[in-house]
PDB file of N, CA and C in Angstrom:
ATOM      1  N   MET A   1      94.188  84.284  80.473  1.00  0.00           N
ATOM      2  CA  MET A   1      94.317  84.740  81.713  1.00  0.00           C
ATOM      3  C   MET A   1      93.269  85.242  82.626  1.00  0.00           C
ATOM      4  N   THR A   2      92.927  84.931  83.850  1.00  0.00           N
ATOM      5  CA  THR A   2      91.441  85.210  84.708  1.00  0.00           C
ATOM      6  C   THR A   2      92.046  86.024  85.548  1.00  0.00           C
ATOM      7  N   PHE A   3      90.920  86.440  86.087  1.00  0.00           N
ATOM      8  CA  PHE A   3      91.038  87.274  87.176  1.00  0.00           C
ATOM      9  C   PHE A   3      90.719  87.326  88.586  1.00  0.00           C
ATOM     10  N   GLN A   4      91.972  87.654  89.621  1.00  0.00           N
ATOM     11  CA  GLN A   4      91.828  87.137  90.890  1.00  0.00           C
ATOM     12  C   GLN A   4      91.998  88.294  92.062  1.00  0.00           C
ATOM     13  N   SER A   5      91.352  88.179  92.934  1.00  0.00           N
ATOM     14  CA  SER A   5      91.499  89.451  94.411  1.00  0.00           C
ATOM     15  C   SER A   5      91.707  88.453  95.421  1.00  0.00           C
ATOM     16  N   GLU A   6      92.119  89.485  96.585  1.00  0.00           N
ATOM     17  CA  GLU A   6      92.342  88.788  97.532  1.00  0.00           C
ATOM     18  C   GLU A   6      92.496  90.219  99.026  1.00  0.00           C
ATOM     19  N   VAL A   7      91.773  89.928  99.290  1.00  0.00           N
ATOM     20  CA  VAL A   7      91.800  91.464 100.292  1.00  0.00           C
ATOM     21  C   VAL A   7      91.457  90.524 101.988  1.00  0.00           C
ATOM     22  N   LEU A   8      92.606  91.210 102.767  1.00  0.00           N
ATOM     23  CA  LEU A   8      93.314  91.108 103.813  1.00  0.00           C
ATOM     24  C   LEU A   8      93.168  92.346 104.702  1.00  0.00           C
ATOM     25  N   ASN A   9      93.229  92.573 105.729  1.00  0.00           N
ATOM     26  CA  ASN A   9      92.734  93.196 106.387  1.00  0.00           C
ATOM     27  C   ASN A   9      94.499  93.122 107.664  1.00  0.00           C
ATOM     28  N   THR A  10      95.360  94.353 107.118  1.00  0.00           N
ATOM     29  CA  THR A  10      96.350  94.133 108.169  1.00  0.00           C
ATOM     30  C   THR A  10      95.997  95.535 108.748  1.00  0.00           C
ATOM     31  N   GLU A  11      97.291  95.946 110.453  1.00  0.00           N
ATOM     32  CA  GLU A  11      97.509  96.761 110.372  1.00  0.00           C
ATOM     33  C   GLU A  11      96.212  97.722 110.138  1.00  0.00           C
ATOM     34  N   GLY A  12      95.155  97.325 110.281  1.00  0.00           N
ATOM     35  CA  GLY A  12      93.878  98.529 110.456  1.00  0.00           C
ATOM     36  C   GLY A  12      93.822  98.408 108.816  1.00  0.00           C
ATOM     37  N   VAL A  13      93.978  98.202 108.066  1.00  0.00           N
ATOM     38  CA  VAL A  13      93.989  99.035 106.521  1.00  0.00           C
ATOM     39  C   VAL A  13      93.099  97.692 105.410  1.00  0.00           C
ATOM     40  N   HIS A  14      92.588  97.785 104.862  1.00  0.00           N
ATOM     41  CA  HIS A  14      92.473  96.506 104.191  1.00  0.00           C
ATOM     42  C   HIS A  14      93.360  96.512 102.989  1.00  0.00           C
ATOM     43  N   GLN A  15      93.590  95.609 102.714  1.00  0.00           N
ATOM     44  CA  GLN A  15      94.836  95.367 101.480  1.00  0.00           C
ATOM     45  C   GLN A  15      94.643  94.443 100.587  1.00  0.00           C
ATOM     46  N   VAL A  16      94.189  95.119  99.162  1.00  0.00           N
ATOM     47  CA  VAL A  16      93.376  94.286  98.249  1.00  0.00           C
ATOM     48  C   VAL A  16      94.909  93.798  97.189  1.00  0.00           C
ATOM     49  N   ALA A  17      94.745  92.741  96.749  1.00  0.00           N
ATOM     50  CA  ALA A  17      95.647  91.990  95.795  1.00  0.00           C
ATOM     51  C   ALA A  17      95.134  92.051  94.741  1.00  0.00           C
ATOM     52  N   LEU A  18      95.350  92.301  93.430  1.00  0.00           N
ATOM     53  CA  LEU A  18      94.524  92.315  91.728  1.00  0.00           C
ATOM     54  C   LEU A  18      95.938  91.185  91.203  1.00  0.00           C
ATOM     55  N   CYS A  19      95.062  90.417  90.524  1.00  0.00           N
ATOM     56  CA  CYS A  19      96.216  89.642  89.631  1.00  0.00           C
ATOM     57  C   CYS A  19      95.228  89.064  88.455  1.00  0.00           C
ATOM     58  N   GLY A  20      95.707  89.527  87.263  1.00  0.00           N
ATOM     59  CA  GLY A  20      95.425  88.812  86.276  1.00  0.00           C
ATOM     60  C   GLY A  20      94.610  90.062  85.255  1.00  0.00           C
ATOM     61  N   ARG A  21      93.462  90.135  84.633  1.00  0.00           N
ATOM     62  CA  ARG A  21      92.720  90.682  83.722  1.00  0.00           C
ATOM     63  C   ARG A  21      91.742  91.602  84.650  1.00  0.00           C
ATOM     64  N   LEU A  22      91.375  92.364  84.315  1.00  0.00           N
ATOM     65  CA  LEU A  22      90.082  93.128  85.295  1.00  0.00           C
ATOM     66  C   LEU A  22      89.334  93.658  84.218  1.00  0.00           C
ATOM     67  N   ASP A  23      88.439  93.040  83.654  1.00  0.00           N
ATOM     68  CA  ASP A  23      88.262  93.693  82.441  1.00  0.00           C
ATOM     69  C   ASP A  23      86.203  93.641  82.588  1.00  0.00           C
ATOM     70  N   SER A  24      85.344  93.722  81.201  1.00  0.00           N
ATOM     71  CA  SER A  24      84.089  93.794  81.792  1.00  0.00           C
ATOM     72  C   SER A  24      83.526  92.571  82.285  1.00  0.00           C
ATOM     73  N   ALA A  25      84.149  91.219  81.845  1.00  0.00           N
ATOM     74  CA  ALA A  25      83.810  89.948  82.285  1.00  0.00           C
ATOM     75  C   ALA A  25      84.042  89.364  83.612  1.00  0.00           C
ATOM     76  N   THR A  26      84.969  90.435  84.292  1.00  0.00           N
ATOM     77  CA  THR A  26      85.482  90.158  85.766  1.00  0.00           C
ATOM     78  C   THR A  26      85.168  91.501  87.249  1.00  0.00           C
ATOM     79  N   SER A  27      84.969  92.588  86.541  1.00  0.00           N
ATOM     80  CA  SER A  27      84.687  93.542  87.396  1.00  0.00           C
ATOM     81  C   SER A  27      83.479  93.671  87.844  1.00  0.00           C
ATOM     82  N   GLY A  28      82.425  93.108  87.626  1.00  0.00           N
ATOM     83  CA  GLY A  28      81.108  92.792  88.253  1.00  0.00           C
ATOM     84  C   GLY A  28      81.525  92.160  89.895  1.00  0.00           C
ATOM     85  N   GLU A  29      82.060  90.929  89.553  1.00  0.00           N
ATOM     86  CA  GLU A  29      82.587  90.353  90.702  1.00  0.00           C
ATOM     87  C   GLU A  29      83.117  91.113  91.646  1.00  0.00           C
ATOM     88  N   PHE A  30      84.374  91.346  90.995  1.00  0.00           N
ATOM     89  CA  PHE A  30      85.594  92.513  91.538  1.00  0.00           C
ATOM     90  C   PHE A  30      84.927  93.127  92.566  1.00  0.00           C
ATOM     91  N   GLU A  31      83.573  94.432  91.827  1.00  0.00           N
ATOM     92  CA  GLU A  31      83.321  95.095  92.543  1.00  0.00           C
ATOM     93  C   GLU A  31      82.121  94.794  93.665  1.00  0.00           C
ATOM     94  N   LYS A  32      81.711  93.654  93.646  1.00  0.00           N
ATOM     95  CA  LYS A  32      80.745  92.947  94.901  1.00  0.00           C
ATOM     96  C   LYS A  32      81.628  92.545  96.202  1.00  0.00           C
ATOM     97  N   SER A  33      83.034  92.186  95.677  1.00  0.00           N
ATOM     98  CA  SER A  33      83.797  92.052  96.781  1.00  0.00           C
ATOM     99  C   SER A  33      84.171  92.946  97.701  1.00  0.00           C
ATOM    100  N   LEU A  34      83.908  94.395  96.898  1.00  0.00           N
ATOM    101  CA  LEU A  34      84.849  95.772  97.472  1.00  0.00           C
ATOM    102  C   LEU A  34      83.952  96.203  98.747  1.00  0.00           C
ATOM    103  N   GLN A  35      82.307  96.134  98.437  1.00  0.00           N
ATOM    104  CA  GLN A  35      81.483  96.555  98.759  1.00  0.00           C
ATOM    105  C   GLN A  35      81.367  96.779 100.239  1.00  0.00           C
ATOM    106  N   SER A  36      81.789  95.738 101.154  1.00  0.00           N
ATOM    107  CA  SER A  36      82.419  96.182 102.211  1.00  0.00           C
ATOM    108  C   SER A  36      83.361  97.042 103.022  1.00  0.00           C
ATOM    109  N   LEU A  37      84.084  97.368 101.550  1.00  0.00           N
ATOM    110  CA  LEU A  37      85.487  97.986 102.812  1.00  0.00           C
ATOM    111  C   LEU A  37      84.961  98.942 102.877  1.00  0.00           C
ATOM    112  N   PHE A  38      84.219  99.820 102.561  1.00  0.00           N
ATOM    113  CA  PHE A  38      84.147 101.230 103.124  1.00  0.00           C
ATOM    114  C   PHE A  38      82.920 101.194 103.630  1.00  0.00           C
ATOM    115  N   GLN A  39      82.312 100.571 104.302  1.00  0.00           N
ATOM    116  CA  GLN A  39      81.177 100.410 105.200  1.00  0.00           C
ATOM    117  C   GLN A  39      81.553 101.741 106.373  1.00  0.00           C
ATOM    118  N   SER A  40      82.628 100.847 107.107  1.00  0.00           N
ATOM    119  CA  SER A  40      82.962 102.035 108.437  1.00  0.00           C
ATOM    120  C   SER A  40      83.237 103.293 108.163  1.00  0.00           C
ATOM    121  N   VAL A  41      83.083 104.151 108.885  1.00  0.00           N
ATOM    122  CA  VAL A  41      83.673 105.371 108.696  1.00  0.00           C
ATOM    123  C   VAL A  41      85.040 105.298 108.523  1.00  0.00           C
ATOM    124  N   GLY A  42      85.817 106.235 107.800  1.00  0.00           N
ATOM    125  CA  GLY A  42      87.517 106.222 108.215  1.00  0.00           C
ATOM    126  C   GLY A  42      88.109 105.049 107.517  1.00  0.00           C
ATOM    127  N   SER A  43      87.637 104.022 107.092  1.00  0.00           N
ATOM    128  CA  SER A  43      88.541 103.460 106.282  1.00  0.00           C
ATOM    129  C   SER A  43      89.276 103.399 105.347  1.00  0.00           C
ATOM    130  N   LYS A  44      90.303 102.560 105.853  1.00  0.00           N
ATOM    131  CA  LYS A  44      91.579 102.909 104.764  1.00  0.00           C
ATOM    132  C   LYS A  44      91.617 101.844 103.896  1.00  0.00           C
ATOM    133  N   ALA A  45      92.237 101.355 102.574  1.00  0.00           N
ATOM    134  CA  ALA A  45      92.429 100.418 101.778  1.00  0.00           C
ATOM    135  C   ALA A  45      93.263 100.976 100.532  1.00  0.00           C
ATOM    136  N   MET A  46      94.070  99.538 100.590  1.00  0.00           N
ATOM    137  CA  MET A  46      95.142  99.968  99.321  1.00  0.00           C
ATOM    138  C   MET A  46      94.889  98.690  98.316  1.00  0.00           C
ATOM    139  N   MET A  47      95.065  99.012  97.000  1.00  0.00           N
ATOM    140  CA  MET A  47      95.281  97.838  96.082  1.00  0.00           C
ATOM    141  C   MET A  47      96.521  97.639  95.866  1.00  0.00           C
ATOM    142  N   ASP A  48      97.096  96.470  95.705  1.00  0.00           N
ATOM    143  CA  ASP A  48      98.032  96.070  95.109  1.00  0.00           C
ATOM    144  C   ASP A  48      98.083  95.784  93.428  1.00  0.00           C
ATOM    145  N   PHE A  49      99.008  96.658  92.526  1.00  0.00           N
ATOM    146  CA  PHE A  49      98.146  96.675  91.275  1.00  0.00           C
ATOM    147  C   PHE A  49      99.497  95.968  90.477  1.00  0.00           C
ATOM    148  N   SER A  50     100.602  95.230  91.170  1.00  0.00           N
ATOM    149  CA  SER A  50     101.646  94.325  90.665  1.00  0.00           C
ATOM    150  C   SER A  50     101.630  93.247  89.820  1.00  0.00           C
ATOM    151  N   ALA A  51     100.253  92.828  90.079  1.00  0.00           N
ATOM    152  CA  ALA A  51     100.524  91.294  89.420  1.00  0.00           C
ATOM    153  C   ALA A  51      99.287  91.463  88.345  1.00  0.00           C
ATOM    154  N   LEU A  52      98.550  92.723  88.393  1.00  0.00           N
ATOM    155  CA  LEU A  52      97.266  93.159  87.278  1.00  0.00           C
ATOM    156  C   LEU A  52      98.061  93.045  86.069  1.00  0.00           C
ATOM    157  N   ASN A  53      97.709  92.347  85.103  1.00  0.00           N
ATOM    158  CA  ASN A  53      98.151  92.531  83.379  1.00  0.00           C
ATOM    159  C   ASN A  53      97.278  92.806  82.833  1.00  0.00           C
ATOM    160  N   TYR A  54      96.226  93.832  82.888  1.00  0.00           N
ATOM    161  CA  TYR A  54      95.437  94.683  82.272  1.00  0.00           C
ATOM    162  C   TYR A  54      94.100  95.153  82.814  1.00  0.00           C
ATOM    163  N   ILE A  55      94.089  96.090  82.670  1.00  0.00           N
ATOM    164  CA  ILE A  55      92.612  96.579  83.075  1.00  0.00           C
ATOM    165  C   ILE A  55      92.135  97.420  81.922  1.00  0.00           C
ATOM    166  N   SER A  56      90.435  97.323  81.975  1.00  0.00           N
ATOM    167  CA  SER A  56      89.653  97.568  80.414  1.00  0.00           C
ATOM    168  C   SER A  56      88.672  98.795  81.584  1.00  0.00           C
ATOM    169  N   SER A  57      88.334  99.561  80.631  1.00  0.00           N
ATOM    170  CA  SER A  57      87.370 100.481  81.265  1.00  0.00           C
ATOM    171  C   SER A  57      86.069 100.269  82.552  1.00  0.00           C
ATOM    172  N   ALA A  58      85.962  98.957  82.331  1.00  0.00           N
ATOM    173  CA  ALA A  58      84.803  98.584  83.367  1.00  0.00           C
ATOM    174  C   ALA A  58      85.803  98.137  84.461  1.00  0.00           C
ATOM    175  N   GLY A  59      86.893  98.014  84.244  1.00  0.00           N
ATOM    176  CA  GLY A  59      87.733  98.033  85.567  1.00  0.00           C
ATOM    177  C   GLY A  59      88.234  99.185  85.996  1.00  0.00           C
ATOM    178  N   LEU A  60      88.596 100.190  85.484  1.00  0.00           N
ATOM    179  CA  LEU A  60      88.191 101.397  85.958  1.00  0.00           C
ATOM    180  C   LEU A  60      87.406 102.174  86.609  1.00  0.00           C
ATOM    181  N   ARG A  61      86.382 102.014  86.174  1.00  0.00           N
ATOM    182  CA  ARG A  61      84.940 102.057  87.361  1.00  0.00           C
ATOM    183  C   ARG A  61      85.106 101.832  88.321  1.00  0.00           C
ATOM    184  N   VAL A  62      85.351 100.494  88.205  1.00  0.00           N
ATOM    185  CA  VAL A  62      85.081  99.732  89.577  1.00  0.00           C
ATOM    186  C   VAL A  62      86.652 100.570  90.542  1.00  0.00           C
ATOM    187  N   VAL A  63      87.427 100.775  90.305  1.00  0.00           N
ATOM    188  CA  VAL A  63      88.466 101.705  91.199  1.00  0.00           C
ATOM    189  C   VAL A  63      88.109 102.850  91.346  1.00  0.00           C
ATOM    190  N   LEU A  64      87.018 103.749  90.351  1.00  0.00           N
ATOM    191  CA  LEU A  64      86.580 105.092  90.515  1.00  0.00           C
ATOM    192  C   LEU A  64      85.405 104.342  91.314  1.00  0.00           C
ATOM    193  N   MET A  65      84.956 103.897  91.618  1.00  0.00           N
ATOM    194  CA  MET A  65      83.668 103.862  92.340  1.00  0.00           C
ATOM    195  C   MET A  65      84.036 103.755  93.827  1.00  0.00           C
ATOM    196  N   ALA A  66      85.151 102.414  94.134  1.00  0.00           N
ATOM    197  CA  ALA A  66      85.894 102.136  95.521  1.00  0.00           C
ATOM    198  C   ALA A  66      86.024 103.730  95.883  1.00  0.00           C
ATOM    199  N   ALA A  67      87.001 104.459  95.358  1.00  0.00           N
ATOM    200  CA  ALA A  67      87.625 105.817  95.669  1.00  0.00           C
ATOM    201  C   ALA A  67      86.415 106.759  96.078  1.00  0.00           C
ATOM    202  N   LYS A  68      85.387 106.534  95.602  1.00  0.00           N
ATOM    203  CA  LYS A  68      84.302 107.094  95.647  1.00  0.00           C
ATOM    204  C   LYS A  68      83.804 107.294  96.938  1.00  0.00           C
ATOM    205  N   ARG A  69      83.200 106.352  96.899  1.00  0.00           N
ATOM    206  CA  ARG A  69      83.042 105.382  98.475  1.00  0.00           C
ATOM    207  C   ARG A  69      83.842 105.382  99.841  1.00  0.00           C
ATOM    208  N   ALA A  70      85.467 105.214  99.291  1.00  0.00           N
ATOM    209  CA  ALA A  70      86.336 106.144 100.185  1.00  0.00           C
ATOM    210  C   ALA A  70      86.031 107.333 100.533  1.00  0.00           C
ATOM    211  N   LYS A  71      85.760 108.112  99.785  1.00  0.00           N
ATOM    212  CA  LYS A  71      85.760 109.768  99.881  1.00  0.00           C
ATOM    213  C   LYS A  71      84.220 109.946 100.069  1.00  0.00           C
ATOM    214  N   GLN A  72      83.244 109.488 100.455  1.00  0.00           N
ATOM    215  CA  GLN A  72      82.235 109.399 100.780  1.00  0.00           C
ATOM    216  C   GLN A  72      81.936 108.910 102.840  1.00  0.00           C
ATOM    217  N   GLY A  73      83.375 107.919 102.770  1.00  0.00           N
ATOM    218  CA  GLY A  73      82.996 107.785 103.813  1.00  0.00           C
ATOM    219  C   GLY A  73      84.750 108.196 104.850  1.00  0.00           C
ATOM    220  N   HIS A  74      84.808 109.184 104.468  1.00  0.00           N
ATOM    221  CA  HIS A  74      85.958 109.939 104.924  1.00  0.00           C
ATOM    222  C   HIS A  74      87.124 108.862 105.258  1.00  0.00           C
ATOM    223  N   GLY A  75      87.247 108.223 104.334  1.00  0.00           N
ATOM    224  CA  GLY A  75      88.142 107.188 103.890  1.00  0.00           C
ATOM    225  C   GLY A  75      88.986 107.321 103.053  1.00  0.00           C
ATOM    226  N   GLN A  76      90.109 106.388 102.886  1.00  0.00           N
ATOM    227  CA  GLN A  76      91.197 106.536 102.331  1.00  0.00           C
ATOM    228  C   GLN A  76      91.243 105.440 100.877  1.00  0.00           C
ATOM    229  N   LEU A  77      91.874 105.846 100.223  1.00  0.00           N
ATOM    230  CA  LEU A  77      92.253 104.568  98.989  1.00  0.00           C
ATOM    231  C   LEU A  77      93.552 104.764  98.293  1.00  0.00           C
ATOM    232  N   VAL A  78      94.217 103.964  98.685  1.00  0.00           N
ATOM    233  CA  VAL A  78      95.610 104.578  97.833  1.00  0.00           C
ATOM    234  C   VAL A  78      95.869 103.390  97.037  1.00  0.00           C
ATOM    235  N   LEU A  79      96.552 103.163  95.404  1.00  0.00           N
ATOM    236  CA  LEU A  79      96.853 102.267  94.795  1.00  0.00           C
ATOM    237  C   LEU A  79      98.559 102.139  94.520  1.00  0.00           C
ATOM    238  N   HIS A  80      98.986 100.648  94.388  1.00  0.00           N
ATOM    239  CA  HIS A  80     100.461 101.261  94.278  1.00  0.00           C
ATOM    240  C   HIS A  80     100.623  99.994  93.028  1.00  0.00           C
ATOM    241  N   GLY A  81     101.947 100.029  92.910  1.00  0.00           N
ATOM    242  CA  GLY A  81     102.400  98.800  92.355  1.00  0.00           C
ATOM    243  C   GLY A  81     101.932  98.077  90.985  1.00  0.00           C
ATOM    244  N   LEU A  82     101.354 100.144  89.988  1.00  0.00           N
ATOM    245  CA  LEU A  82     101.051  99.539  88.882  1.00  0.00           C
ATOM    246  C   LEU A  82     102.087  99.739  87.683  1.00  0.00           C
ATOM    247  N   GLN A  83     101.735  98.448  87.186  1.00  0.00           N
ATOM    248  CA  GLN A  83     102.867  98.079  85.877  1.00  0.00           C
ATOM    249  C   GLN A  83     102.770  98.743  85.197  1.00  0.00           C
ATOM    250  N   PRO A  84     103.834  99.268  84.122  1.00  0.00           N
ATOM    251  CA  PRO A  84     104.115 100.265  83.005  1.00  0.00           C
ATOM    252  C   PRO A  84     102.343 100.907  82.190  1.00  0.00           C
ATOM    253  N   HIS A  85     102.188  99.375  81.530  1.00  0.00           N
ATOM    254  CA  HIS A  85     101.024  99.598  80.924  1.00  0.00           C
ATOM    255  C   HIS A  85      99.415  99.742  81.460  1.00  0.00           C
ATOM    256  N   VAL A  86      99.861  99.050  82.459  1.00  0.00           N
ATOM    257  CA  VAL A  86      98.447  99.323  83.184  1.00  0.00           C
ATOM    258  C   VAL A  86      98.078 100.879  83.731  1.00  0.00           C
ATOM    259  N   ARG A  87      99.784 101.477  84.372  1.00  0.00           N
ATOM    260  CA  ARG A  87      99.563 102.879  84.541  1.00  0.00           C
ATOM    261  C   ARG A  87      99.621 104.121  83.097  1.00  0.00           C
ATOM    262  N   GLU A  88      99.874 103.375  82.246  1.00  0.00           N
ATOM    263  CA  GLU A  88      99.351 104.196  81.059  1.00  0.00           C
ATOM    264  C   GLU A  88      97.795 104.847  80.648  1.00  0.00           C
ATOM    265  N   VAL A  89      97.220 103.208  81.043  1.00  0.00           N
ATOM    266  CA  VAL A  89      95.864 103.217  80.930  1.00  0.00           C
ATOM    267  C   VAL A  89      95.334 104.487  82.147  1.00  0.00           C
ATOM    268  N   PHE A  90      95.481 104.582  83.433  1.00  0.00           N
ATOM    269  CA  PHE A  90      95.521 105.032  84.090  1.00  0.00           C
ATOM    270  C   PHE A  90      95.843 106.392  83.974  1.00  0.00           C
ATOM    271  N   GLU A  91      96.730 106.832  83.013  1.00  0.00           N
ATOM    272  CA  GLU A  91      97.182 108.331  82.764  1.00  0.00           C
ATOM    273  C   GLU A  91      96.836 108.705  81.696  1.00  0.00           C
ATOM    274  N   ILE A  92      96.740 107.948  80.699  1.00  0.00           N
ATOM    275  CA  ILE A  92      95.801 108.449  79.177  1.00  0.00           C
ATOM    276  C   ILE A  92      93.879 108.966  79.809  1.00  0.00           C
ATOM    277  N   SER A  93      93.447 108.321  80.875  1.00  0.00           N
ATOM    278  CA  SER A  93      92.049 108.422  81.422  1.00  0.00           C
ATOM    279  C   SER A  93      91.658 109.572  82.501  1.00  0.00           C
ATOM    280  N   GLY A  94      93.185 110.065  83.003  1.00  0.00           N
ATOM    281  CA  GLY A  94      93.013 110.677  83.562  1.00  0.00           C
ATOM    282  C   GLY A  94      92.969 110.383  85.030  1.00  0.00           C
ATOM    283  N   PHE A  95      93.378 109.333  85.695  1.00  0.00           N
ATOM    284  CA  PHE A  95      92.722 108.791  86.795  1.00  0.00           C
ATOM    285  C   PHE A  95      93.937 109.025  87.630  1.00  0.00           C
ATOM    286  N   LEU A  96      95.339 109.572  87.246  1.00  0.00           N
ATOM    287  CA  LEU A  96      96.208 109.415  87.908  1.00  0.00           C
ATOM    288  C   LEU A  96      96.322 111.074  88.555  1.00  0.00           C
ATOM    289  N   LYS A  97      95.705 111.862  88.345  1.00  0.00           N
ATOM    290  CA  LYS A  97      94.762 112.943  88.522  1.00  0.00           C
ATOM    291  C   LYS A  97      94.037 113.006  89.878  1.00  0.00           C
ATOM    292  N   ILE A  98      93.490 112.222  89.375  1.00  0.00           N
ATOM    293  CA  ILE A  98      91.852 111.818  91.014  1.00  0.00           C
ATOM    294  C   ILE A  98      92.105 111.139  92.015  1.00  0.00           C
ATOM    295  N   LEU A  99      93.346 109.859  91.749  1.00  0.00           N
ATOM    296  CA  LEU A  99      93.629 109.037  92.514  1.00  0.00           C
ATOM    297  C   LEU A  99      94.640 108.985  93.756  1.00  0.00           C
ATOM    298  N   GLU A 100      94.706 108.469  94.431  1.00  0.00           N
ATOM    299  CA  GLU A 100      96.079 108.232  95.255  1.00  0.00           C
ATOM    300  C   GLU A 100      96.867 107.095  94.610  1.00  0.00           C
ATOM    301  N   VAL A 101      97.696 107.473  94.105  1.00  0.00           N
ATOM    302  CA  VAL A 101      98.784 106.705  93.547  1.00  0.00           C
ATOM    303  C   VAL A 101     100.247 106.099  94.069  1.00  0.00           C
ATOM    304  N   THR A 102     100.836 105.507  94.025  1.00  0.00           N
ATOM    305  CA  THR A 102     102.064 105.349  94.664  1.00  0.00           C
ATOM    306  C   THR A 102     103.058 103.981  94.203  1.00  0.00           C
ATOM    307  N   ASP A 103     104.250 104.013  94.184  1.00  0.00           N
ATOM    308  CA  ASP A 103     104.690 103.082  93.170  1.00  0.00           C
ATOM    309  C   ASP A 103     104.954 102.088  94.285  1.00  0.00           C
ATOM    310  N   THR A 104     104.955 102.245  95.957  1.00  0.00           N
ATOM    311  CA  THR A 104     105.118 100.805  97.060  1.00  0.00           C
ATOM    312  C   THR A 104     104.619 100.868  97.591  1.00  0.00           C
ATOM    313  N   ARG A 105     104.604  99.633  97.928  1.00  0.00           N
ATOM    314  CA  ARG A 105     103.635  99.099  99.469  1.00  0.00           C
ATOM    315  C   ARG A 105     103.983  99.952 100.245  1.00  0.00           C
ATOM    316  N   GLU A 106     105.223 100.362 100.738  1.00  0.00           N
ATOM    317  CA  GLU A 106     105.618 100.531 102.237  1.00  0.00           C
ATOM    318  C   GLU A 106     105.357 102.262 101.753  1.00  0.00           C
ATOM    319  N   ALA A 107     105.500 103.213 100.065  1.00  0.00           N
ATOM    320  CA  ALA A 107     104.618 104.299  99.886  1.00  0.00           C
ATOM    321  C   ALA A 107     103.188 104.209 100.773  1.00  0.00           C
ATOM    322  N   ALA A 108     102.690 103.524  99.920  1.00  0.00           N
ATOM    323  CA  ALA A 108     101.243 103.424 100.094  1.00  0.00           C
ATOM    324  C   ALA A 108     100.918 103.627 101.732  1.00  0.00           C
ATOM    325  N   LEU A 109     101.364 102.366 102.718  1.00  0.00           N
ATOM    326  CA  LEU A 109     101.405 102.592 103.829  1.00  0.00           C
ATOM    327  C   LEU A 109     101.236 103.804 104.490  1.00  0.00           C
ATOM    328  N   ALA A 110     102.853 104.475 103.810  1.00  0.00           N
ATOM    329  CA  ALA A 110     103.071 105.723 104.522  1.00  0.00           C
ATOM    330  C   ALA A 110     102.215 107.022 104.078  1.00  0.00           C
ATOM    331  N   ARG A 111     101.162 106.372 103.567  1.00  0.00           N
ATOM    332  CA  ARG A 111     100.073 107.729 103.081  1.00  0.00           C
ATOM    333  C   ARG A 111      98.965 107.671 104.009  1.00  0.00           C
ATOM    334  N   PHE A 112      99.039 106.935 104.730  1.00  0.00           N
ATOM    335  CA  PHE A 112      98.429 106.457 106.072  1.00  0.00           C
ATOM    336  C   PHE A 112      98.594 107.120 107.145  1.00  0.00           C
ATOM    337  N   ASN A 113      99.600 106.774 106.976  1.00  0.00           N
ATOM    338  CA  ASN A 113     100.199 108.016 108.407  1.00  0.00           C
ATOM    339  C   ASN A 113     100.781 109.304 108.547  1.00  0.00           C
ATOM    340  N   SER A 114      99.991 110.007 107.277  1.00  0.00           N
ATOM    341  CA  SER A 114     100.772 111.402 106.766  1.00  0.00           C
ATOM    342  C   SER A 114      99.342 112.269 107.493  1.00  0.00           C
TER     343      SER A 114
END
């Protein structure tokens, strides 16, 4: 299975849908696609992991770098829809303690309005 991502801008929020496997072979291209997300101060973005089947340490690094860029630009990144096996990778790595993660898209959007 390959990796695909799509970025939409809806309601002033960048919505990134991930699908497939995010690993060392696909993370470089994904990182490039995210570079413009936090160019504006206060940018908001959410990542939908509901169709992501696998994430490696290289993929985790890309997500962490996006969160770092968001913070530097006084923006916000919220992840949602993590599958149980993907969530476990985030938990083991300790990323659930440092990233904003919700179960649903609606809950992610609510984080931007709070």
